[in-house]
Amino acid sequence: METVFLPGATIGLLGGGQLGRMFAIAARRMGYRVHTLEPSPDSPAGQISDREFIGAFDDLELIAQFGDSVDVVTFEFENIPAGIVDFLSHRRVVRPRSEVLHICQNREREKSFLLRNGYPIAQYSIISSRSELVEALERVAKPSVLKTADFGYDGKGQRRIYPGDRIDTFQTNRAVLEEWIDLDR
């Protein structure tokens, strides 16, 4: 049976950016307390949290103190180290789980997970060199979008490629080239 955390509980938030701020505002309006762990002082989420822990995501002593101060843990973006989420999961309920975070941190893993589980996805190729990119551009429909495999979020690490565009450089170890999908909503 899933644990339910009612208003009055303290939610631990890994990361203190704008999304974390919006999350913390909503949680506090519903009656929850919020503790934030963020490397930078005076973070957007930390400014309105009940308590802000300031320190690196590899400071296990601080992370343990943070975990001990909350009832449940979540995170505000996908570049939180999955090992820290796993470490905290031995102390507290963490949602989403570290396995989910690990998948979401890498676009290649995301694509593999979606395919294995029957989700429809855009045509794509995994790229690790400029020559592979040139070859993939022959197979993948254009326009397309080139995305870094790791550490991209909110459009960072992405480049849209139109028919006729020249590709003179390839500046990442691994990437995903995928067909551009027009969305109505």
Protein backbone atom coordinates (compact mmCIF):
# COMPACT_ATOMS: atom_id res chain seq x y z
CA MET A 1 0.00 0.00 0.00
CA GLU A 2 1.29 3.46 -0.95
CA THR A 3 2.09 5.86 1.88
CA VAL A 4 -0.07 9.00 1.90
CA PHE A 5 1.35 12.26 3.21
CA LEU A 6 -1.33 14.61 4.47
CA PRO A 7 -1.10 18.38 4.92
CA GLY A 8 1.19 19.18 7.80
CA ALA A 9 3.86 16.79 6.50
CA THR A 10 7.22 18.16 5.38
CA ILE A 11 8.23 17.70 1.75
CA GLY A 12 11.94 17.71 0.94
CA LEU A 13 12.73 19.33 -2.41
CA LEU A 14 16.05 18.66 -4.15
CA GLY A 15 16.86 21.73 -6.24
CA GLY A 16 15.82 25.30 -5.68
CA GLY A 17 15.02 26.79 -9.07
CA GLN A 18 11.90 28.46 -10.45
CA LEU A 19 10.01 25.17 -10.89
CA GLY A 20 10.84 24.33 -7.28
CA ARG A 21 9.54 27.73 -6.21
CA MET A 22 6.22 27.13 -7.97
CA PHE A 23 6.04 23.65 -6.40
CA ALA A 24 6.80 25.02 -2.91
CA ILE A 25 4.21 27.80 -3.20
CA ALA A 26 1.52 25.28 -4.18
CA ALA A 27 2.55 22.82 -1.45
CA ARG A 28 2.50 25.50 1.24
CA ARG A 29 -0.94 26.69 0.12
CA MET A 30 -2.16 23.12 0.63
CA GLY A 31 -0.74 23.05 4.17
CA TYR A 32 2.59 21.28 3.66
CA ARG A 33 5.94 22.42 4.96
CA VAL A 34 8.81 22.51 2.45
CA HIS A 35 12.55 22.07 2.99
CA THR A 36 14.83 22.78 0.04
CA LEU A 37 18.34 21.45 -0.63
CA GLU A 38 20.21 23.60 -3.15
CA PRO A 39 23.90 24.35 -3.79
CA SER A 40 23.30 28.10 -4.31
CA PRO A 41 22.20 30.31 -1.41
CA ASP A 42 19.02 32.37 -1.69
CA SER A 43 17.54 30.14 -4.39
CA PRO A 44 14.06 30.90 -5.76
CA ALA A 45 12.56 27.88 -3.95
CA GLY A 46 14.66 28.44 -0.86
CA GLN A 47 13.34 31.98 -0.51
CA ILE A 48 9.86 30.70 0.29
CA SER A 49 10.70 27.32 1.87
CA ASP A 50 10.34 26.69 5.58
CA ARG A 51 13.98 25.68 5.67
CA GLU A 52 16.78 25.89 3.11
CA PHE A 53 19.76 23.53 3.22
CA ILE A 54 22.64 25.05 1.26
CA GLY A 55 25.35 22.71 0.02
CA ALA A 56 26.59 20.41 -2.70
CA PHE A 57 24.62 17.40 -3.89
CA ASP A 58 27.62 15.22 -3.00
CA ASP A 59 27.75 16.28 0.69
CA LEU A 60 26.32 13.08 2.19
CA GLU A 61 26.31 14.44 5.75
CA LEU A 62 24.20 17.44 4.71
CA ILE A 63 21.96 15.24 2.55
CA ALA A 64 21.40 12.90 5.51
CA GLN A 65 20.45 15.90 7.71
CA PHE A 66 18.10 17.09 4.99
CA GLY A 67 16.54 13.63 4.69
CA ASP A 68 16.09 13.35 8.43
CA SER A 69 14.21 16.68 8.49
CA VAL A 70 11.47 15.69 6.03
CA ASP A 71 8.74 13.09 5.59
CA VAL A 72 8.99 12.60 1.81
CA VAL A 73 11.44 13.72 -0.88
CA THR A 74 11.04 14.86 -4.47
CA PHE A 75 13.16 16.83 -6.94
CA GLU A 76 12.52 19.75 -9.24
CA PHE A 77 14.58 18.84 -12.30
CA GLU A 78 16.20 15.80 -13.87
CA ASN A 79 19.86 16.70 -13.36
CA ILE A 80 19.90 15.83 -9.65
CA PRO A 81 22.44 13.00 -9.17
CA ALA A 82 20.46 9.73 -9.19
CA GLY A 83 22.80 8.32 -6.52
CA ILE A 84 21.66 11.00 -4.07
CA VAL A 85 18.02 10.13 -4.72
CA ASP A 86 18.86 6.46 -4.16
CA PHE A 87 20.75 7.35 -0.94
CA LEU A 88 17.74 9.29 0.36
CA SER A 89 15.35 6.48 -0.56
CA HIS A 90 16.91 4.40 2.22
CA ARG A 91 15.84 7.09 4.70
CA ARG A 92 12.56 8.39 3.29
CA VAL A 93 9.95 7.79 0.62
CA VAL A 94 11.21 9.40 -2.60
CA ARG A 95 8.92 10.11 -5.55
CA PRO A 96 9.65 9.66 -8.37
CA ARG A 97 12.04 6.78 -7.61
CA SER A 98 15.74 6.98 -8.50
CA GLU A 99 15.21 4.44 -11.31
CA VAL A 100 12.79 6.86 -12.99
CA LEU A 101 15.25 9.71 -12.59
CA HIS A 102 18.04 7.58 -14.09
CA ILE A 103 15.93 6.94 -17.21
CA CYS A 104 14.93 10.59 -17.55
CA GLN A 105 18.50 11.86 -17.26
CA ASN A 106 19.49 10.45 -20.64
CA ARG A 107 17.53 10.77 -23.86
CA GLU A 108 18.90 7.49 -25.21
CA ARG A 109 17.63 5.64 -22.12
CA GLU A 110 14.30 7.48 -22.43
CA LYS A 111 13.86 6.35 -26.04
CA SER A 112 14.74 2.74 -25.17
CA PHE A 113 12.31 2.72 -22.24
CA LEU A 114 9.48 4.16 -24.34
CA LEU A 115 10.07 1.67 -27.17
CA ARG A 116 10.23 -1.32 -24.78
CA ASN A 117 6.93 -0.26 -23.25
CA GLY A 118 5.05 0.30 -26.50
CA TYR A 119 4.85 4.09 -26.58
CA PRO A 120 4.84 5.78 -29.97
CA ILE A 121 7.92 7.94 -30.52
CA ALA A 122 9.34 10.05 -33.31
CA GLN A 123 11.84 8.54 -35.73
CA TYR A 124 15.34 8.96 -34.26
CA SER A 125 19.03 7.97 -34.40
CA ILE A 126 21.69 7.82 -31.70
CA ILE A 127 24.71 9.91 -32.67
CA SER A 128 28.27 9.88 -31.34
CA SER A 129 30.25 11.58 -34.11
CA ARG A 130 29.87 14.12 -36.90
CA SER A 131 29.98 11.35 -39.53
CA GLU A 132 27.14 9.50 -37.74
CA LEU A 133 25.17 12.75 -37.70
CA VAL A 134 25.64 13.21 -41.45
CA GLU A 135 24.47 9.61 -42.05
CA ALA A 136 21.49 9.99 -39.71
CA LEU A 137 20.38 13.17 -41.44
CA GLU A 138 19.88 11.02 -44.56
CA ARG A 139 17.52 8.66 -42.64
CA VAL A 140 15.66 10.90 -40.20
CA ALA A 141 12.96 13.16 -41.60
CA LYS A 142 13.64 16.88 -41.76
CA PRO A 143 13.17 19.17 -40.08
CA SER A 144 14.72 17.38 -37.14
CA VAL A 145 16.16 18.26 -33.78
CA LEU A 146 19.57 17.32 -32.39
CA LYS A 147 19.53 16.86 -28.61
CA THR A 148 22.40 16.11 -26.26
CA ALA A 149 21.92 12.72 -24.63
CA ASP A 150 22.76 14.07 -21.17
CA PHE A 151 22.19 17.27 -19.19
CA GLY A 152 19.71 18.97 -21.45
CA TYR A 153 16.50 20.42 -20.12
CA ASP A 154 14.14 23.29 -20.94
CA GLY A 155 15.44 23.34 -24.51
CA LYS A 156 19.11 23.51 -23.50
CA GLY A 157 21.38 21.27 -25.56
CA GLN A 158 19.01 21.28 -28.54
CA ARG A 159 19.39 22.46 -32.11
CA ARG A 160 16.70 22.36 -34.78
CA ILE A 161 18.00 21.29 -38.21
CA TYR A 162 16.18 22.29 -41.39
CA PRO A 163 16.58 20.83 -44.89
CA GLY A 164 19.74 22.30 -46.44
CA ASP A 165 21.37 23.27 -43.11
CA ARG A 166 25.12 22.65 -43.01
CA ILE A 167 26.50 20.67 -40.09
CA ASP A 168 30.12 21.72 -39.66
CA THR A 169 30.61 20.70 -36.04
CA PHE A 170 29.44 18.11 -33.57
CA GLN A 171 30.16 19.22 -30.00
CA THR A 172 28.98 16.47 -27.67
CA ASN A 173 29.93 12.89 -26.84
CA ARG A 174 26.51 11.44 -27.55
CA ALA A 175 23.26 12.84 -28.90
CA VAL A 176 19.86 11.94 -30.27
CA LEU A 177 18.70 13.16 -33.64
CA GLU A 178 14.94 12.96 -33.86
CA GLU A 179 12.28 13.87 -36.34
CA TRP A 180 10.61 17.21 -35.60
CA ILE A 181 6.99 16.73 -34.60
CA ASP A 182 4.52 19.57 -35.08
CA LEU A 183 2.17 19.80 -32.12
CA ASP A 184 -1.28 21.35 -32.02
CA ARG A 185 -1.22 21.73 -28.23
